[in-house]
Amino acid sequence: MRYHVGAEGEGGVNVQANSTEEDLEIRAQAEQLKRGIQAVVPENGLEDKLALSKREKRPLRIKLGLDPTAPDIHLGFAVVLRKLRQFQDMGHQVVIIIGDYTALIGDPSGRSATRPMLSAEEIKKNAETYVDQLARILQRERTEVRFNGEWLGKLDFAEVVKLAAHMTVAQVLQRDDFANRFGAHQPISLHELLYPLAQAYDSVAIRADIEMGGQDQTFNILAGRDLQREMGQAPQAAMFMPLLVGLDGHKKMSKSLGNYVGISEDPVVMFSKIMSLSDEAMKEYFVLCTDVPLDEVEMLLAESTTGRTNPRDVKRRLAKEIVTIYHGDAPSVAADDEWMRVHSAGEVPQDMPVMGYDAAISKAGTVWVCKLLVTVGLATGTGEARRLVQQGAVSVNGEKVPSSEWEPQAGELDGTVLKVGAKRYVKLQRNSQH
């Protein structure tokens, strides 16, 4: 069956034309689904697809494409998965496409150089971990997992050439990464130009109604709309999620950057990492990582700004909400209790080791925090120490170390508690044997 929905000539139903009970339900669902969304293309595409679902009495097919290169799920990745779960709770079908075939190409999005191609063995190993991890957020019965090698691997050379006729080189070079590399006379391999075409064909193969993705996938997802239209299908709506900022407050959350919170991490570790966030990042995390109503979020943040509520307690609420989602109520409460016990004034573990730090003292009488961490055994080298500080995982007497270049006077550290993460502590003592 061919169907055409949407605005701007796509034959959609204007759900605002009549205030029927069904229209009001669609608007309410759309409002819930748009929480935290960066953009929807076309503008009324979500409402039109929800109306289509009602009209044809069938669940929508919601696509998310994944290259099996980093199977560990962190909060940044969970943002889009939680949105997919909302669709499932409304009765729709999620289609996860593991890009075993496109991973052989390597997604060039946002790259200034050609990505290395994964071997088939590496792809299989990574892909095997996905299903169980996805099940921590998604409903198994409403999750269809497919490998795009099912259809891409069956295309012969003539069919690839025919498919390529639907996309021009000029279109592909509109992508910033390609345009920048072309302008800088850096190499662009032909196989990279095929990546957006291959990903677009995934939408055709599964007849996607909506595709989800991050802003860095804008070109690829819109290419799917274009190819569906070219091949006689109704174009999918595109929903773009913002990229969650990592614990450093600057770059997107990434395991490779070390600024991440893993959803399977120990509850206390997860709680402590979230407590290291800057106050400015709290709103983004409330909106994207929790289900706290937006009006309540605004109230909490307003009270913390005016001083009616300690910002620390608002952040504790944030941490408890997130830990509860992935571990449950009891572990969340226990993590909060442990964090408060450790950070309450004067309360430290009774068996905390006492460590001398003379070896870290410079001739000028200062102590570089990275050398200090190595000296007392809380880091294996200054490189790891820098990462720990940048992640917000290092504190002295409960105060987060401000920079990896921090160099206090040696005397200021005598008797203080140096902490890394949630459970690693030492009491610093000058002129002691260790």
Protein backbone atom coordinates (compact mmCIF):
# COMPACT_ATOMS: atom_id res chain seq x y z
CA MET A 1 0.00 0.00 0.00
CA ARG A 2 1.27 3.46 -0.84
CA TYR A 3 0.31 6.34 1.38
CA HIS A 4 1.22 10.00 1.51
CA VAL A 5 1.07 12.07 4.68
CA GLY A 6 2.48 15.31 5.94
CA ALA A 7 2.58 18.98 5.18
CA GLU A 8 3.87 20.85 2.15
CA GLY A 9 2.23 18.74 -0.51
CA GLU A 10 2.55 15.37 1.22
CA GLY A 11 -1.22 15.00 1.60
CA GLY A 12 -1.40 15.03 5.36
CA VAL A 13 -4.31 15.51 7.70
CA ASN A 14 -4.35 18.82 9.54
CA VAL A 15 -5.08 17.71 13.09
CA GLN A 16 -5.69 21.31 14.11
CA ALA A 17 -8.62 21.73 11.74
CA ASN A 18 -11.15 20.08 14.05
CA SER A 19 -10.92 19.63 17.79
CA THR A 20 -12.21 16.07 17.89
CA GLU A 21 -11.31 13.75 20.73
CA GLU A 22 -8.92 11.90 18.40
CA ASP A 23 -7.24 15.15 17.38
CA LEU A 24 -6.73 16.14 21.01
CA GLU A 25 -5.19 12.74 21.73
CA ILE A 26 -2.78 13.15 18.80
CA ARG A 27 -1.76 16.60 20.00
CA ALA A 28 -1.17 15.31 23.52
CA GLN A 29 0.96 12.45 22.23
CA ALA A 30 2.93 14.79 19.96
CA GLU A 31 3.57 17.17 22.84
CA GLN A 32 4.92 14.33 24.97
CA LEU A 33 7.08 12.99 22.15
CA LYS A 34 8.51 16.42 21.33
CA ARG A 35 9.97 16.89 24.81
CA GLY A 36 13.67 17.56 24.32
CA ILE A 37 13.46 17.22 20.53
CA GLN A 38 15.76 19.52 18.58
CA ALA A 39 13.73 19.54 15.35
CA VAL A 40 11.10 17.65 13.36
CA VAL A 41 11.14 17.54 9.55
CA PRO A 42 8.67 18.42 8.16
CA GLU A 43 7.40 20.69 10.93
CA ASN A 44 4.04 18.90 11.31
CA GLY A 45 5.43 15.53 10.32
CA LEU A 46 5.00 13.90 13.73
CA GLU A 47 1.35 14.87 14.05
CA ASP A 48 0.68 13.70 10.50
CA LYS A 49 2.26 10.31 11.13
CA LEU A 50 0.30 9.86 14.36
CA ALA A 51 -2.89 10.70 12.44
CA LEU A 52 -1.91 8.15 9.78
CA SER A 53 -1.51 5.51 12.47
CA LYS A 54 -5.02 6.21 13.75
CA ARG A 55 -6.50 6.25 10.27
CA GLU A 56 -4.90 3.02 9.09
CA LYS A 57 -5.16 1.35 12.50
CA ARG A 58 -1.55 0.21 12.46
CA PRO A 59 1.53 0.98 14.53
CA LEU A 60 4.11 3.33 13.08
CA ARG A 61 7.53 1.94 12.24
CA ILE A 62 10.14 4.00 14.07
CA LYS A 63 13.68 3.55 12.78
CA LEU A 64 17.00 3.98 14.56
CA GLY A 65 20.17 3.01 12.75
CA LEU A 66 23.21 1.94 14.73
CA ASP A 67 26.71 1.05 13.61
CA PRO A 68 27.98 -1.68 15.97
CA THR A 69 31.18 0.14 16.87
CA ALA A 70 30.56 1.13 20.51
CA PRO A 71 28.05 -1.18 22.18
CA ASP A 72 28.26 0.25 25.71
CA ILE A 73 25.22 2.44 26.36
CA HIS A 74 25.69 5.70 28.25
CA LEU A 75 23.21 8.46 29.14
CA GLY A 76 23.86 10.29 25.89
CA PHE A 77 22.93 7.25 23.82
CA ALA A 78 20.00 6.53 26.14
CA VAL A 79 18.38 9.88 25.24
CA VAL A 80 17.18 8.58 21.87
CA LEU A 81 16.40 5.12 23.27
CA ARG A 82 14.12 6.65 25.91
CA LYS A 83 12.30 8.52 23.15
CA LEU A 84 11.84 5.25 21.28
CA ARG A 85 10.41 3.73 24.46
CA GLN A 86 7.81 6.50 24.54
CA PHE A 87 6.73 5.51 21.04
CA GLN A 88 6.50 1.88 22.16
CA ASP A 89 4.37 2.81 25.18
CA MET A 90 1.96 4.39 22.69
CA GLY A 91 1.77 1.12 20.75
CA HIS A 92 4.27 1.71 17.95
CA GLN A 93 6.97 -0.57 16.56
CA VAL A 94 10.66 0.28 16.93
CA VAL A 95 13.01 -1.03 14.26
CA ILE A 96 16.66 -1.06 15.28
CA ILE A 97 18.95 -1.45 12.31
CA ILE A 98 22.39 -2.76 13.19
CA GLY A 99 24.59 -1.51 10.39
CA ASP A 100 26.71 -4.59 9.90
CA TYR A 101 27.00 -3.80 6.18
CA THR A 102 27.40 -0.02 6.45
CA ALA A 103 29.99 -0.54 9.20
CA LEU A 104 32.16 -2.11 6.54
CA ILE A 105 32.16 1.35 4.95
CA GLY A 106 32.44 3.43 8.12
CA ASP A 107 30.27 6.49 8.77
CA PRO A 108 32.24 9.61 7.79
CA SER A 109 29.85 11.96 9.67
CA GLY A 110 31.75 14.68 11.46
CA ARG A 111 35.10 13.24 10.47
CA SER A 112 37.99 15.12 8.93
CA ALA A 113 39.62 11.92 7.67
CA THR A 114 38.56 8.56 6.30
CA ARG A 115 37.33 6.18 9.02
CA PRO A 116 38.95 2.76 9.25
CA MET A 117 36.67 -0.07 8.16
CA LEU A 118 35.75 -2.73 10.71
CA SER A 119 36.27 -6.40 10.00
CA ALA A 120 33.29 -8.75 9.86
CA GLU A 121 34.51 -10.41 13.08
CA GLU A 122 34.68 -7.08 14.92
CA ILE A 123 31.20 -6.15 13.72
CA LYS A 124 29.72 -9.46 14.86
CA LYS A 125 31.34 -9.23 18.29
CA ASN A 126 30.07 -5.70 18.84
CA ALA A 127 26.57 -6.42 17.53
CA GLU A 128 26.08 -9.39 19.87
CA THR A 129 26.13 -7.09 22.91
CA TYR A 130 23.41 -4.74 21.63
CA VAL A 131 20.18 -6.65 22.13
CA ASP A 132 20.57 -7.26 25.87
CA GLN A 133 21.68 -3.68 26.47
CA LEU A 134 18.80 -2.25 24.45
CA ALA A 135 16.41 -4.35 26.54
CA ARG A 136 17.34 -2.27 29.60
CA ILE A 137 15.27 0.53 28.03
CA LEU A 138 13.17 -0.86 25.18
CA GLN A 139 10.31 -3.39 25.21
CA ARG A 140 11.53 -6.57 23.57
CA GLU A 141 8.12 -7.41 22.09
CA ARG A 142 7.93 -4.06 20.28
CA THR A 143 11.57 -4.03 19.18
CA GLU A 144 12.48 -5.44 15.78
CA VAL A 145 16.25 -5.84 15.34
CA ARG A 146 17.50 -6.08 11.79
CA PHE A 147 20.93 -6.17 10.14
CA ASN A 148 21.16 -4.11 6.95
CA GLY A 149 23.29 -6.79 5.36
CA GLU A 150 19.92 -8.54 4.81
CA TRP A 151 19.14 -6.21 1.89
CA LEU A 152 22.35 -4.36 1.09
CA GLY A 153 24.29 -7.60 0.82
CA LYS A 154 21.91 -8.86 -1.85
CA LEU A 155 22.38 -5.93 -4.23
CA ASP A 156 24.55 -6.69 -7.26
CA PHE A 157 26.75 -4.05 -8.87
CA ALA A 158 24.14 -3.09 -11.45
CA GLU A 159 21.55 -2.53 -8.72
CA VAL A 160 23.99 -0.36 -6.72
CA VAL A 161 24.63 1.77 -9.81
CA LYS A 162 20.86 2.09 -10.39
CA LEU A 163 20.37 3.08 -6.76
CA ALA A 164 23.19 5.63 -6.98
CA ALA A 165 21.33 7.36 -9.83
CA HIS A 166 18.91 8.71 -7.19
CA MET A 167 21.61 10.82 -5.47
CA THR A 168 23.99 13.35 -6.98
CA VAL A 169 27.58 14.13 -6.04
CA ALA A 170 26.52 17.74 -5.48
CA GLN A 171 24.01 16.56 -2.84
CA VAL A 172 26.62 14.52 -1.02
CA LEU A 173 29.13 17.38 -1.05
CA GLN A 174 26.61 19.54 0.79
CA ARG A 175 27.65 17.69 3.94
CA ASP A 176 30.00 19.82 5.98
CA ASP A 177 32.52 17.04 6.55
CA PHE A 178 32.79 16.23 2.85
CA ALA A 179 32.76 19.88 1.81
CA ASN A 180 35.51 20.76 4.29
CA ARG A 181 37.70 17.85 3.21
CA PHE A 182 37.11 18.61 -0.46
CA GLY A 183 38.00 22.25 0.08
CA ALA A 184 41.15 21.30 1.97
CA HIS A 185 42.20 18.87 -0.80
CA GLN A 186 41.97 15.93 1.62
CA PRO A 187 41.09 12.51 0.21
CA ILE A 188 37.48 11.35 0.03
CA SER A 189 37.11 7.72 -0.96
CA LEU A 190 34.29 6.65 -3.25
CA HIS A 191 33.07 4.14 -0.68
CA GLU A 192 32.41 7.00 1.75
CA LEU A 193 30.12 8.68 -0.77
CA LEU A 194 28.05 5.50 -0.76
CA TYR A 195 27.44 5.59 3.01
CA PRO A 196 24.53 8.08 3.06
CA LEU A 197 22.99 6.24 0.09
CA ALA A 198 23.22 2.90 1.88
CA GLN A 199 21.74 4.29 5.08
CA ALA A 200 18.95 5.96 3.12
CA TYR A 201 18.13 2.64 1.48
CA ASP A 202 17.62 1.15 4.94
CA SER A 203 14.55 3.40 5.29
CA VAL A 204 13.21 2.11 1.99
CA ALA A 205 13.85 -1.53 2.90
CA ILE A 206 11.91 -1.38 6.18
CA ARG A 207 9.32 1.21 5.04
CA ALA A 208 10.13 3.53 7.92
CA ASP A 209 7.50 6.07 9.01
CA ILE A 210 9.80 8.02 11.33
CA GLU A 211 13.56 8.00 11.74
CA MET A 212 15.26 9.11 14.95
CA GLY A 213 18.80 10.36 15.26
CA GLY A 214 21.22 12.93 16.54
CA GLN A 215 21.99 16.24 14.89
CA ASP A 216 25.17 14.74 13.47
CA GLN A 217 22.99 12.41 11.36
CA THR A 218 20.92 15.16 9.75
CA PHE A 219 22.17 14.62 6.20
CA ASN A 220 21.86 10.83 6.33
CA ILE A 221 18.31 10.90 7.73
CA LEU A 222 17.05 13.52 5.27
CA ALA A 223 18.63 11.48 2.47
CA GLY A 224 16.33 8.64 3.57
CA ARG A 225 13.30 10.91 3.06
CA ASP A 226 14.49 11.84 -0.42
CA LEU A 227 15.19 8.26 -1.46
CA GLN A 228 11.83 7.00 -0.20
CA ARG A 229 10.08 9.69 -2.26
CA GLU A 230 12.20 8.83 -5.31
CA MET A 231 11.27 5.15 -4.98
CA GLY A 232 7.54 5.69 -4.57
CA GLN A 233 7.19 5.52 -0.78
CA ALA A 234 5.82 8.14 1.56
CA PRO A 235 8.83 9.97 3.01
CA GLN A 236 9.59 9.31 6.63
CA ALA A 237 9.36 12.09 9.19
CA ALA A 238 12.70 12.93 10.81
CA MET A 239 13.10 13.61 14.51
CA PHE A 240 16.42 14.99 15.68
CA MET A 241 17.60 14.69 19.26
CA PRO A 242 20.19 17.04 20.73
CA LEU A 243 23.57 15.60 21.66
CA LEU A 244 23.87 15.37 25.44
CA VAL A 245 26.82 17.30 26.80
CA GLY A 246 29.21 15.13 28.80
CA LEU A 247 30.42 15.58 32.36
CA ASP A 248 33.08 18.04 31.19
CA GLY A 249 30.31 20.45 30.19
CA HIS A 250 31.74 21.06 26.72
CA LYS A 251 31.89 18.05 24.41
CA LYS A 252 29.16 15.52 23.68
CA MET A 253 29.05 12.55 26.02
CA SER A 254 31.42 9.87 24.77
CA LYS A 255 33.12 6.89 26.31
CA SER A 256 36.28 7.63 24.34
CA LEU A 257 36.42 11.11 25.88
CA GLY A 258 35.86 9.73 29.39
CA ASN A 259 33.04 12.21 30.09
CA TYR A 260 30.25 9.66 30.22
CA VAL A 261 27.81 8.04 32.65
CA GLY A 262 27.17 4.39 31.77
CA ILE A 263 23.66 3.12 32.41
CA SER A 264 25.00 -0.17 33.79
CA GLU A 265 27.54 1.43 36.12
CA ASP A 266 27.33 0.89 39.87
CA PRO A 267 24.54 3.09 41.32
CA VAL A 268 26.95 4.91 43.66
CA VAL A 269 29.38 5.60 40.80
CA MET A 270 26.53 6.81 38.59
CA PHE A 271 25.16 9.01 41.38
CA SER A 272 28.56 10.53 42.13
CA LYS A 273 29.27 11.26 38.47
CA ILE A 274 25.98 13.12 38.11
CA MET A 275 26.74 15.11 41.26
CA SER A 276 29.92 16.33 39.53
CA LEU A 277 27.86 18.12 36.86
CA SER A 278 27.92 21.89 36.72
CA ASP A 279 24.77 23.65 37.89
CA GLU A 280 24.33 25.02 34.36
CA ALA A 281 23.98 21.50 32.93
CA MET A 282 21.17 20.42 35.26
CA LYS A 283 18.28 21.60 33.08
CA GLU A 284 19.52 19.71 30.03
CA TYR A 285 19.91 16.52 32.06
CA PHE A 286 16.47 16.90 33.69
CA VAL A 287 14.81 17.38 30.29
CA LEU A 288 16.65 14.69 28.35
CA CYS A 289 17.43 12.06 30.99
CA THR A 290 14.41 12.07 33.33
CA ASP A 291 10.61 12.12 33.27
CA VAL A 292 10.21 14.95 35.78
CA PRO A 293 7.46 17.27 34.43
CA LEU A 294 8.90 20.35 32.75
CA ASP A 295 6.99 22.80 34.96
CA GLU A 296 8.44 21.08 38.03
CA VAL A 297 11.93 21.25 36.50
CA GLU A 298 11.53 25.00 35.99
CA MET A 299 10.34 25.41 39.59
CA LEU A 300 13.28 23.43 41.00
CA LEU A 301 15.83 25.38 38.99
CA ALA A 302 14.22 28.72 39.84
CA GLU A 303 14.32 27.91 43.55
CA SER A 304 17.99 26.92 43.32
CA THR A 305 18.80 30.16 41.50
CA THR A 306 17.04 32.37 44.05
CA GLY A 307 18.58 30.54 46.99
CA ARG A 308 15.33 29.05 48.31
CA THR A 309 16.80 25.60 47.63
CA ASN A 310 20.43 24.54 47.76
CA PRO A 311 21.56 23.72 44.18
CA ARG A 312 23.23 20.64 45.64
CA ASP A 313 19.84 19.27 46.71
CA VAL A 314 18.35 19.90 43.25
CA LYS A 315 21.28 17.99 41.79
CA ARG A 316 20.66 15.18 44.27
CA ARG A 317 17.08 15.01 42.99
CA LEU A 318 18.45 14.78 39.45
CA ALA A 319 20.88 12.03 40.37
CA LYS A 320 18.19 10.05 42.22
CA GLU A 321 15.80 10.30 39.27
CA ILE A 322 18.40 8.99 36.83
CA VAL A 323 19.71 6.20 39.06
CA THR A 324 16.12 5.09 39.76
CA ILE A 325 15.41 4.73 36.03
CA TYR A 326 18.25 2.25 35.54
CA HIS A 327 18.60 0.58 38.94
CA GLY A 328 15.34 1.09 40.88
CA ASP A 329 14.24 3.00 43.97
CA ALA A 330 16.20 1.18 46.68
CA PRO A 331 19.64 1.44 45.00
CA SER A 332 18.94 5.09 44.25
CA VAL A 333 18.15 5.88 47.86
CA ALA A 334 21.22 3.92 49.02
CA ALA A 335 23.44 5.81 46.58
CA ASP A 336 22.09 9.13 47.85
CA ASP A 337 22.68 8.06 51.46
CA GLU A 338 26.25 7.00 50.66
CA TRP A 339 27.00 10.24 48.85
CA MET A 340 25.62 12.31 51.74
CA ARG A 341 27.54 10.24 54.30
CA VAL A 342 30.80 10.80 52.49
CA HIS A 343 30.19 14.48 51.82
CA SER A 344 28.74 15.43 55.20
CA ALA A 345 31.08 17.71 57.15
CA GLY A 346 33.67 15.81 59.09
CA GLU A 347 32.38 12.34 58.27
CA VAL A 348 34.88 10.12 56.49
CA PRO A 349 35.39 6.36 56.44
CA GLN A 350 37.02 5.18 59.67
CA ASP A 351 39.49 2.94 57.83
CA MET A 352 40.66 5.61 55.37
CA PRO A 353 44.36 5.18 54.58
CA VAL A 354 46.71 8.00 55.54
CA MET A 355 49.17 8.82 52.79
CA GLY A 356 52.21 11.05 52.73
CA TYR A 357 52.63 13.35 49.78
CA ASP A 358 56.15 14.76 50.22
CA ALA A 359 57.27 13.26 46.90
CA ALA A 360 54.73 15.41 45.06
CA ILE A 361 55.93 18.72 46.54
CA SER A 362 57.83 20.96 44.11
CA LYS A 363 60.84 23.11 44.95
CA ALA A 364 58.47 26.07 45.02
CA GLY A 365 56.47 24.41 47.80
CA THR A 366 53.40 23.69 45.66
CA VAL A 367 51.75 20.40 44.71
CA TRP A 368 50.50 19.65 41.19
CA VAL A 369 47.25 17.72 41.62
CA CYS A 370 48.06 15.22 38.86
CA LYS A 371 51.41 14.32 40.41
CA LEU A 372 49.69 14.11 43.80
CA LEU A 373 47.19 11.56 42.50
CA VAL A 374 49.99 9.42 41.13
CA THR A 375 52.08 9.75 44.31
CA VAL A 376 49.31 8.50 46.60
CA GLY A 377 48.27 5.72 44.22
CA LEU A 378 44.93 7.08 43.00
CA ALA A 379 46.09 7.27 39.38
CA THR A 380 48.53 5.18 37.37
CA GLY A 381 50.00 8.17 35.55
CA THR A 382 49.54 11.88 34.99
CA GLY A 383 47.52 11.19 31.83
CA GLU A 384 44.93 9.22 33.77
CA ALA A 385 45.06 11.84 36.53
CA ARG A 386 44.25 14.60 34.05
CA ARG A 387 41.26 12.65 32.76
CA LEU A 388 39.94 12.05 36.27
CA VAL A 389 40.12 15.75 37.12
CA GLN A 390 38.53 16.75 33.80
CA GLN A 391 35.68 14.31 34.47
CA GLY A 392 35.00 16.02 37.80
CA ALA A 393 35.88 12.84 39.69
CA VAL A 394 38.50 14.38 42.01
CA SER A 395 37.76 16.42 45.14
CA VAL A 396 39.55 17.70 48.23
CA ASN A 397 37.43 17.89 51.39
CA GLY A 398 34.30 17.58 49.26
CA GLU A 399 35.21 20.44 46.92
CA LYS A 400 35.73 19.46 43.30
CA VAL A 401 39.24 20.17 42.02
CA PRO A 402 38.82 23.03 39.55
CA SER A 403 41.46 22.13 36.98
CA SER A 404 44.05 19.52 36.08
CA GLU A 405 46.62 22.34 36.42
CA TRP A 406 45.65 23.08 40.04
CA GLU A 407 48.74 23.64 42.23
CA PRO A 408 47.94 24.53 45.85
CA GLN A 409 50.55 25.23 48.51
CA ALA A 410 51.73 22.01 50.14
CA GLY A 411 50.66 23.15 53.59
CA GLU A 412 47.06 23.58 52.48
CA LEU A 413 46.71 19.84 51.86
CA ASP A 414 47.91 18.53 55.22
CA GLY A 415 45.06 16.64 56.89
CA THR A 416 42.67 16.96 53.94
CA VAL A 417 40.71 14.13 52.33
CA LEU A 418 41.53 13.46 48.67
CA LYS A 419 38.78 11.54 46.91
CA VAL A 420 38.51 9.97 43.44
CA GLY A 421 35.09 8.77 42.31
CA ALA A 422 32.71 7.46 44.94
CA LYS A 423 34.78 5.00 46.97
CA ARG A 424 38.48 5.83 46.72
CA TYR A 425 39.80 8.06 49.49
CA VAL A 426 43.04 8.93 51.21
CA LYS A 427 43.82 11.31 54.02
CA LEU A 428 46.85 13.40 53.14
CA GLN A 429 49.60 13.87 55.68
CA ARG A 430 52.83 15.76 55.20
CA ASN A 431 56.18 14.32 56.35
CA SER A 432 54.75 10.79 56.83
CA GLN A 433 56.21 7.48 55.76
CA HIS A 434 54.36 5.55 53.06
